[in-house]
Amino acid sequence: MKNDTFGKRFRALRTQKGLTQEKIADIFYLNTSSISKYEKDKSMPEIALLIQIADFFGVSVDYLLCRTTCPLLIRPDNGAALIDGNGSPHFLDSRAFETLLAYLRLPEDVQMEISDFISFKEKQRH
């Protein structure tokens, strides 16, 4: 997103995981006012904490700092997160991640067939 900020991305990651500001504060040994300031872009965490936050959510520090919109962070130990066009993360388990990698290795024509099939199945569900 063009107007992304650290605070917006941090809040999106937190809410995607269903965590409150209080819970995140407990996890990182902070007070809730610090979390609130981060999410409102009134303050930034120190670099060591920024790294911990990125590791916790499975994203890169560059993503948190809006230096990239790269949707995928490869983390074999805890899966990956895909970030959609709205800045919302979608966490993948290892099975979904491996399926995505297998898809990416396929020739483009086969990928198109799979995409068409997915579209067909989505239309059936609605």
N, C-alpha and C. Protein backbone atom coordinates (compact mmCIF):
# COMPACT_ATOMS: atom_id res chain seq x y z
N MET A 1 0.83 -1.18 0.00
CA MET A 1 0.00 0.00 0.00
C MET A 1 0.88 1.24 0.00
N LYS A 2 0.43 2.24 -0.71
CA LYS A 2 1.22 3.45 -0.86
C LYS A 2 1.39 4.20 0.46
N ASN A 3 0.37 4.26 1.27
CA ASN A 3 0.43 5.01 2.53
C ASN A 3 0.69 4.13 3.74
N ASP A 4 1.35 3.01 3.53
CA ASP A 4 1.67 2.14 4.65
C ASP A 4 2.65 2.82 5.59
N THR A 5 2.53 2.45 6.85
CA THR A 5 3.46 2.90 7.87
C THR A 5 3.79 1.70 8.75
N PHE A 6 4.82 1.84 9.55
CA PHE A 6 5.12 0.79 10.51
C PHE A 6 3.90 0.49 11.37
N GLY A 7 3.28 1.55 11.88
CA GLY A 7 2.14 1.37 12.78
C GLY A 7 1.00 0.60 12.14
N LYS A 8 0.68 0.92 10.89
CA LYS A 8 -0.41 0.22 10.19
C LYS A 8 -0.07 -1.25 10.00
N ARG A 9 1.16 -1.52 9.61
CA ARG A 9 1.55 -2.92 9.40
C ARG A 9 1.60 -3.69 10.72
N PHE A 10 2.11 -3.06 11.75
CA PHE A 10 2.18 -3.70 13.07
C PHE A 10 0.78 -4.04 13.56
N ARG A 11 -0.14 -3.08 13.46
CA ARG A 11 -1.52 -3.31 13.89
C ARG A 11 -2.17 -4.43 13.06
N ALA A 12 -1.96 -4.42 11.74
CA ALA A 12 -2.54 -5.45 10.87
C ALA A 12 -2.03 -6.84 11.26
N LEU A 13 -0.74 -6.95 11.52
CA LEU A 13 -0.17 -8.24 11.92
C LEU A 13 -0.75 -8.69 13.26
N ARG A 14 -0.84 -7.77 14.19
CA ARG A 14 -1.38 -8.11 15.52
C ARG A 14 -2.82 -8.58 15.42
N THR A 15 -3.65 -7.83 14.71
CA THR A 15 -5.07 -8.19 14.64
C THR A 15 -5.29 -9.46 13.83
N GLN A 16 -4.46 -9.68 12.81
CA GLN A 16 -4.58 -10.92 12.02
C GLN A 16 -4.37 -12.14 12.92
N LYS A 17 -3.49 -12.02 13.89
CA LYS A 17 -3.24 -13.12 14.82
C LYS A 17 -4.23 -13.14 15.97
N GLY A 18 -5.14 -12.18 15.98
CA GLY A 18 -6.16 -12.15 17.03
C GLY A 18 -5.63 -11.74 18.39
N LEU A 19 -4.58 -10.93 18.40
CA LEU A 19 -3.96 -10.52 19.66
C LEU A 19 -4.36 -9.10 20.03
N THR A 20 -4.56 -8.89 21.30
CA THR A 20 -4.86 -7.54 21.80
C THR A 20 -3.55 -6.78 22.02
N GLN A 21 -3.68 -5.48 22.20
CA GLN A 21 -2.49 -4.69 22.54
C GLN A 21 -1.90 -5.17 23.87
N GLU A 22 -2.77 -5.55 24.79
CA GLU A 22 -2.30 -6.03 26.10
C GLU A 22 -1.48 -7.30 25.95
N LYS A 23 -1.95 -8.22 25.11
CA LYS A 23 -1.24 -9.49 24.92
C LYS A 23 0.13 -9.25 24.27
N ILE A 24 0.16 -8.41 23.24
CA ILE A 24 1.43 -8.09 22.59
C ILE A 24 2.38 -7.42 23.58
N ALA A 25 1.84 -6.53 24.40
CA ALA A 25 2.66 -5.87 25.42
C ALA A 25 3.28 -6.91 26.36
N ASP A 26 2.48 -7.89 26.78
CA ASP A 26 2.99 -8.95 27.66
C ASP A 26 4.08 -9.77 26.96
N ILE A 27 3.85 -10.11 25.70
CA ILE A 27 4.80 -10.93 24.95
C ILE A 27 6.16 -10.25 24.87
N PHE A 28 6.16 -8.94 24.63
CA PHE A 28 7.41 -8.21 24.44
C PHE A 28 7.86 -7.43 25.68
N TYR A 29 7.20 -7.70 26.83
CA TYR A 29 7.57 -7.05 28.09
C TYR A 29 7.53 -5.52 27.98
N LEU A 30 6.43 -5.03 27.41
CA LEU A 30 6.21 -3.59 27.25
C LEU A 30 4.92 -3.20 27.95
N ASN A 31 4.66 -1.91 28.01
CA ASN A 31 3.35 -1.48 28.49
C ASN A 31 2.46 -1.19 27.29
N THR A 32 1.16 -1.19 27.51
CA THR A 32 0.22 -1.02 26.40
C THR A 32 0.34 0.36 25.75
N SER A 33 0.78 1.34 26.51
CA SER A 33 0.93 2.67 25.90
C SER A 33 2.02 2.66 24.83
N SER A 34 3.06 1.85 25.03
CA SER A 34 4.10 1.74 24.00
C SER A 34 3.53 1.13 22.72
N ILE A 35 2.73 0.07 22.88
CA ILE A 35 2.11 -0.57 21.71
C ILE A 35 1.20 0.42 21.00
N SER A 36 0.42 1.15 21.76
CA SER A 36 -0.47 2.15 21.18
C SER A 36 0.31 3.21 20.40
N LYS A 37 1.41 3.67 20.96
CA LYS A 37 2.24 4.67 20.28
C LYS A 37 2.84 4.12 18.99
N TYR A 38 3.26 2.84 19.02
CA TYR A 38 3.79 2.22 17.80
C TYR A 38 2.71 2.18 16.72
N GLU A 39 1.52 1.74 17.10
CA GLU A 39 0.44 1.59 16.13
C GLU A 39 -0.06 2.93 15.59
N LYS A 40 0.12 3.99 16.36
CA LYS A 40 -0.29 5.33 15.92
C LYS A 40 0.87 6.09 15.27
N ASP A 41 2.00 5.40 15.09
CA ASP A 41 3.20 6.00 14.50
C ASP A 41 3.70 7.22 15.26
N LYS A 42 3.52 7.18 16.58
CA LYS A 42 4.03 8.26 17.43
C LYS A 42 5.38 7.90 18.02
N SER A 43 5.76 6.64 17.86
CA SER A 43 7.02 6.16 18.40
C SER A 43 7.45 4.94 17.58
N MET A 44 8.74 4.65 17.60
CA MET A 44 9.27 3.46 16.92
C MET A 44 10.05 2.62 17.93
N PRO A 45 9.97 1.30 17.80
CA PRO A 45 10.74 0.45 18.70
C PRO A 45 12.24 0.52 18.38
N GLU A 46 13.03 0.22 19.39
CA GLU A 46 14.48 0.09 19.19
C GLU A 46 14.73 -1.05 18.21
N ILE A 47 15.90 -1.06 17.58
CA ILE A 47 16.19 -2.05 16.54
C ILE A 47 16.11 -3.48 17.06
N ALA A 48 16.59 -3.74 18.27
CA ALA A 48 16.53 -5.10 18.81
C ALA A 48 15.09 -5.57 18.95
N LEU A 49 14.21 -4.69 19.40
CA LEU A 49 12.80 -5.04 19.53
C LEU A 49 12.16 -5.18 18.15
N LEU A 50 12.55 -4.35 17.22
CA LEU A 50 12.02 -4.44 15.86
C LEU A 50 12.32 -5.82 15.26
N ILE A 51 13.51 -6.31 15.49
CA ILE A 51 13.90 -7.64 15.01
C ILE A 51 13.03 -8.71 15.69
N GLN A 52 12.81 -8.59 17.00
CA GLN A 52 11.96 -9.55 17.71
C GLN A 52 10.54 -9.53 17.17
N ILE A 53 10.01 -8.35 16.88
CA ILE A 53 8.66 -8.23 16.34
C ILE A 53 8.58 -8.90 14.97
N ALA A 54 9.57 -8.63 14.12
CA ALA A 54 9.59 -9.24 12.79
C ALA A 54 9.64 -10.76 12.91
N ASP A 55 10.50 -11.28 13.77
CA ASP A 55 10.61 -12.73 13.97
C ASP A 55 9.30 -13.31 14.50
N PHE A 56 8.68 -12.63 15.43
CA PHE A 56 7.44 -13.12 16.02
C PHE A 56 6.35 -13.27 14.96
N PHE A 57 6.24 -12.29 14.07
CA PHE A 57 5.18 -12.32 13.05
C PHE A 57 5.61 -13.02 11.77
N GLY A 58 6.89 -13.42 11.68
CA GLY A 58 7.34 -14.12 10.49
C GLY A 58 7.46 -13.23 9.26
N VAL A 59 7.80 -11.98 9.47
CA VAL A 59 8.01 -11.04 8.36
C VAL A 59 9.40 -10.43 8.50
N SER A 60 9.84 -9.75 7.47
CA SER A 60 11.16 -9.12 7.53
C SER A 60 11.06 -7.74 8.19
N VAL A 61 12.19 -7.30 8.72
CA VAL A 61 12.26 -5.94 9.26
C VAL A 61 11.99 -4.94 8.14
N ASP A 62 12.49 -5.23 6.94
CA ASP A 62 12.23 -4.34 5.81
C ASP A 62 10.73 -4.21 5.55
N TYR A 63 10.00 -5.30 5.69
CA TYR A 63 8.55 -5.22 5.51
C TYR A 63 7.93 -4.31 6.58
N LEU A 64 8.33 -4.51 7.83
CA LEU A 64 7.79 -3.68 8.91
C LEU A 64 8.08 -2.20 8.69
N LEU A 65 9.25 -1.91 8.14
CA LEU A 65 9.65 -0.52 7.93
C LEU A 65 9.17 0.04 6.59
N CYS A 66 8.35 -0.74 5.88
CA CYS A 66 7.77 -0.31 4.60
C CYS A 66 8.82 -0.07 3.53
N ARG A 67 9.93 -0.79 3.64
CA ARG A 67 10.97 -0.70 2.61
C ARG A 67 10.71 -1.70 1.49
N THR A 68 9.75 -2.59 1.71
CA THR A 68 9.38 -3.57 0.70
C THR A 68 7.91 -3.92 0.87
N THR A 69 7.31 -4.33 -0.22
CA THR A 69 5.95 -4.87 -0.16
C THR A 69 5.98 -6.37 -0.42
N CYS A 70 7.18 -6.92 -0.41
CA CYS A 70 7.36 -8.35 -0.68
C CYS A 70 6.44 -9.16 0.23
N PRO A 71 5.55 -9.95 -0.39
CA PRO A 71 4.55 -10.65 0.40
C PRO A 71 5.04 -11.90 1.11
N LEU A 72 6.24 -12.36 0.78
CA LEU A 72 6.63 -13.67 1.26
C LEU A 72 7.94 -13.60 2.01
N LEU A 73 7.94 -14.11 3.20
CA LEU A 73 9.17 -14.27 3.96
C LEU A 73 9.37 -15.76 4.15
N ILE A 74 10.44 -16.29 3.63
CA ILE A 74 10.68 -17.73 3.73
C ILE A 74 11.27 -18.01 5.10
N ARG A 75 10.53 -18.78 5.87
CA ARG A 75 10.94 -19.18 7.21
C ARG A 75 10.58 -20.64 7.37
N PRO A 76 11.47 -21.55 6.99
CA PRO A 76 11.12 -22.97 7.05
C PRO A 76 10.72 -23.44 8.45
N ASP A 77 11.22 -22.76 9.49
CA ASP A 77 10.91 -23.19 10.85
C ASP A 77 9.49 -22.84 11.27
N ASN A 78 8.90 -21.79 10.69
CA ASN A 78 7.54 -21.44 11.13
C ASN A 78 6.63 -21.02 9.98
N GLY A 79 6.90 -21.52 8.79
CA GLY A 79 6.04 -21.21 7.66
C GLY A 79 6.35 -19.84 7.09
N ALA A 80 5.33 -19.19 6.59
CA ALA A 80 5.51 -17.90 5.94
C ALA A 80 4.25 -17.08 6.09
N ALA A 81 4.37 -15.82 5.75
CA ALA A 81 3.20 -14.94 5.73
C ALA A 81 3.09 -14.31 4.36
N LEU A 82 1.90 -14.36 3.80
CA LEU A 82 1.61 -13.66 2.56
C LEU A 82 0.90 -12.37 2.93
N ILE A 83 1.31 -11.28 2.35
CA ILE A 83 0.68 -10.00 2.63
C ILE A 83 -0.11 -9.60 1.39
N ASP A 84 -1.42 -9.41 1.55
CA ASP A 84 -2.24 -9.07 0.39
C ASP A 84 -2.14 -7.58 0.07
N GLY A 85 -2.82 -7.16 -0.97
CA GLY A 85 -2.75 -5.78 -1.43
C GLY A 85 -3.26 -4.77 -0.43
N ASN A 86 -3.99 -5.22 0.58
CA ASN A 86 -4.49 -4.32 1.62
C ASN A 86 -3.57 -4.26 2.83
N GLY A 87 -2.44 -4.98 2.74
CA GLY A 87 -1.50 -4.99 3.85
C GLY A 87 -1.85 -5.99 4.93
N SER A 88 -2.83 -6.85 4.67
CA SER A 88 -3.25 -7.84 5.65
C SER A 88 -2.46 -9.13 5.47
N PRO A 89 -1.86 -9.63 6.55
CA PRO A 89 -1.10 -10.86 6.44
C PRO A 89 -1.99 -12.09 6.50
N HIS A 90 -1.57 -13.12 5.80
CA HIS A 90 -2.24 -14.42 5.83
C HIS A 90 -1.14 -15.44 6.10
N PHE A 91 -1.21 -16.08 7.25
CA PHE A 91 -0.14 -16.98 7.66
C PHE A 91 -0.33 -18.36 7.05
N LEU A 92 0.77 -18.92 6.54
CA LEU A 92 0.76 -20.23 5.91
C LEU A 92 1.45 -21.23 6.82
N ASP A 93 0.84 -22.40 6.95
CA ASP A 93 1.55 -23.47 7.65
C ASP A 93 2.51 -24.12 6.65
N SER A 94 3.32 -25.07 7.11
CA SER A 94 4.34 -25.65 6.24
C SER A 94 3.73 -26.38 5.04
N ARG A 95 2.56 -27.02 5.21
CA ARG A 95 1.92 -27.72 4.10
C ARG A 95 1.49 -26.73 3.01
N ALA A 96 0.85 -25.64 3.40
CA ALA A 96 0.42 -24.63 2.43
C ALA A 96 1.63 -23.99 1.75
N PHE A 97 2.68 -23.77 2.51
CA PHE A 97 3.89 -23.18 1.96
C PHE A 97 4.51 -24.10 0.91
N GLU A 98 4.60 -25.39 1.21
CA GLU A 98 5.15 -26.36 0.26
C GLU A 98 4.28 -26.45 -0.99
N THR A 99 2.95 -26.38 -0.82
CA THR A 99 2.04 -26.40 -1.97
C THR A 99 2.28 -25.19 -2.85
N LEU A 100 2.45 -24.03 -2.23
CA LEU A 100 2.71 -22.81 -2.99
C LEU A 100 4.03 -22.92 -3.75
N LEU A 101 5.06 -23.44 -3.11
CA LEU A 101 6.34 -23.61 -3.79
C LEU A 101 6.22 -24.57 -4.97
N ALA A 102 5.47 -25.67 -4.78
CA ALA A 102 5.27 -26.63 -5.87
C ALA A 102 4.56 -25.95 -7.04
N TYR A 103 3.56 -25.15 -6.75
CA TYR A 103 2.83 -24.41 -7.79
C TYR A 103 3.79 -23.49 -8.55
N LEU A 104 4.65 -22.78 -7.84
CA LEU A 104 5.57 -21.83 -8.48
C LEU A 104 6.59 -22.52 -9.36
N ARG A 105 6.86 -23.80 -9.10
CA ARG A 105 7.82 -24.55 -9.92
C ARG A 105 7.20 -25.07 -11.22
N LEU A 106 5.88 -25.04 -11.32
CA LEU A 106 5.19 -25.56 -12.50
C LEU A 106 5.33 -24.60 -13.68
N PRO A 107 5.22 -25.15 -14.90
CA PRO A 107 5.22 -24.28 -16.08
C PRO A 107 4.02 -23.33 -16.04
N GLU A 108 4.15 -22.20 -16.71
CA GLU A 108 3.11 -21.17 -16.67
C GLU A 108 1.76 -21.68 -17.16
N ASP A 109 1.76 -22.52 -18.20
CA ASP A 109 0.48 -23.02 -18.72
C ASP A 109 -0.24 -23.90 -17.69
N VAL A 110 0.52 -24.66 -16.93
CA VAL A 110 -0.09 -25.51 -15.89
C VAL A 110 -0.59 -24.62 -14.74
N GLN A 111 0.16 -23.58 -14.41
CA GLN A 111 -0.29 -22.64 -13.38
C GLN A 111 -1.61 -22.00 -13.79
N MET A 112 -1.75 -21.66 -15.07
CA MET A 112 -3.00 -21.06 -15.56
C MET A 112 -4.16 -22.04 -15.42
N GLU A 113 -3.93 -23.32 -15.72
CA GLU A 113 -4.98 -24.33 -15.56
C GLU A 113 -5.41 -24.42 -14.10
N ILE A 114 -4.45 -24.42 -13.22
CA ILE A 114 -4.76 -24.50 -11.78
C ILE A 114 -5.52 -23.25 -11.34
N SER A 115 -5.10 -22.08 -11.80
CA SER A 115 -5.80 -20.84 -11.46
C SER A 115 -7.24 -20.86 -11.96
N ASP A 116 -7.44 -21.36 -13.18
CA ASP A 116 -8.79 -21.47 -13.73
C ASP A 116 -9.64 -22.42 -12.89
N PHE A 117 -9.05 -23.53 -12.46
CA PHE A 117 -9.77 -24.50 -11.65
C PHE A 117 -10.15 -23.90 -10.29
N ILE A 118 -9.23 -23.16 -9.70
CA ILE A 118 -9.53 -22.50 -8.42
C ILE A 118 -10.67 -21.51 -8.58
N SER A 119 -10.64 -20.73 -9.65
CA SER A 119 -11.74 -19.79 -9.92
C SER A 119 -13.06 -20.52 -10.07
N PHE A 120 -13.05 -21.63 -10.79
CA PHE A 120 -14.24 -22.45 -10.98
C PHE A 120 -14.78 -22.94 -9.63
N LYS A 121 -13.90 -23.46 -8.78
CA LYS A 121 -14.32 -23.98 -7.48
C LYS A 121 -14.84 -22.85 -6.57
N GLU A 122 -14.22 -21.68 -6.64
CA GLU A 122 -14.69 -20.55 -5.84
C GLU A 122 -16.10 -20.13 -6.27
N LYS A 123 -16.37 -20.15 -7.56
CA LYS A 123 -17.70 -19.80 -8.06
C LYS A 123 -18.74 -20.82 -7.60
N GLN A 124 -18.35 -22.08 -7.52
CA GLN A 124 -19.26 -23.12 -7.04
C GLN A 124 -19.65 -22.90 -5.59
N ARG A 125 -18.73 -22.36 -4.80
CA ARG A 125 -18.98 -22.17 -3.37
C ARG A 125 -19.92 -21.01 -3.10
N HIS A 126 -20.06 -20.10 -4.05
CA HIS A 126 -20.86 -18.88 -3.80
C HIS A 126 -22.15 -18.93 -4.52
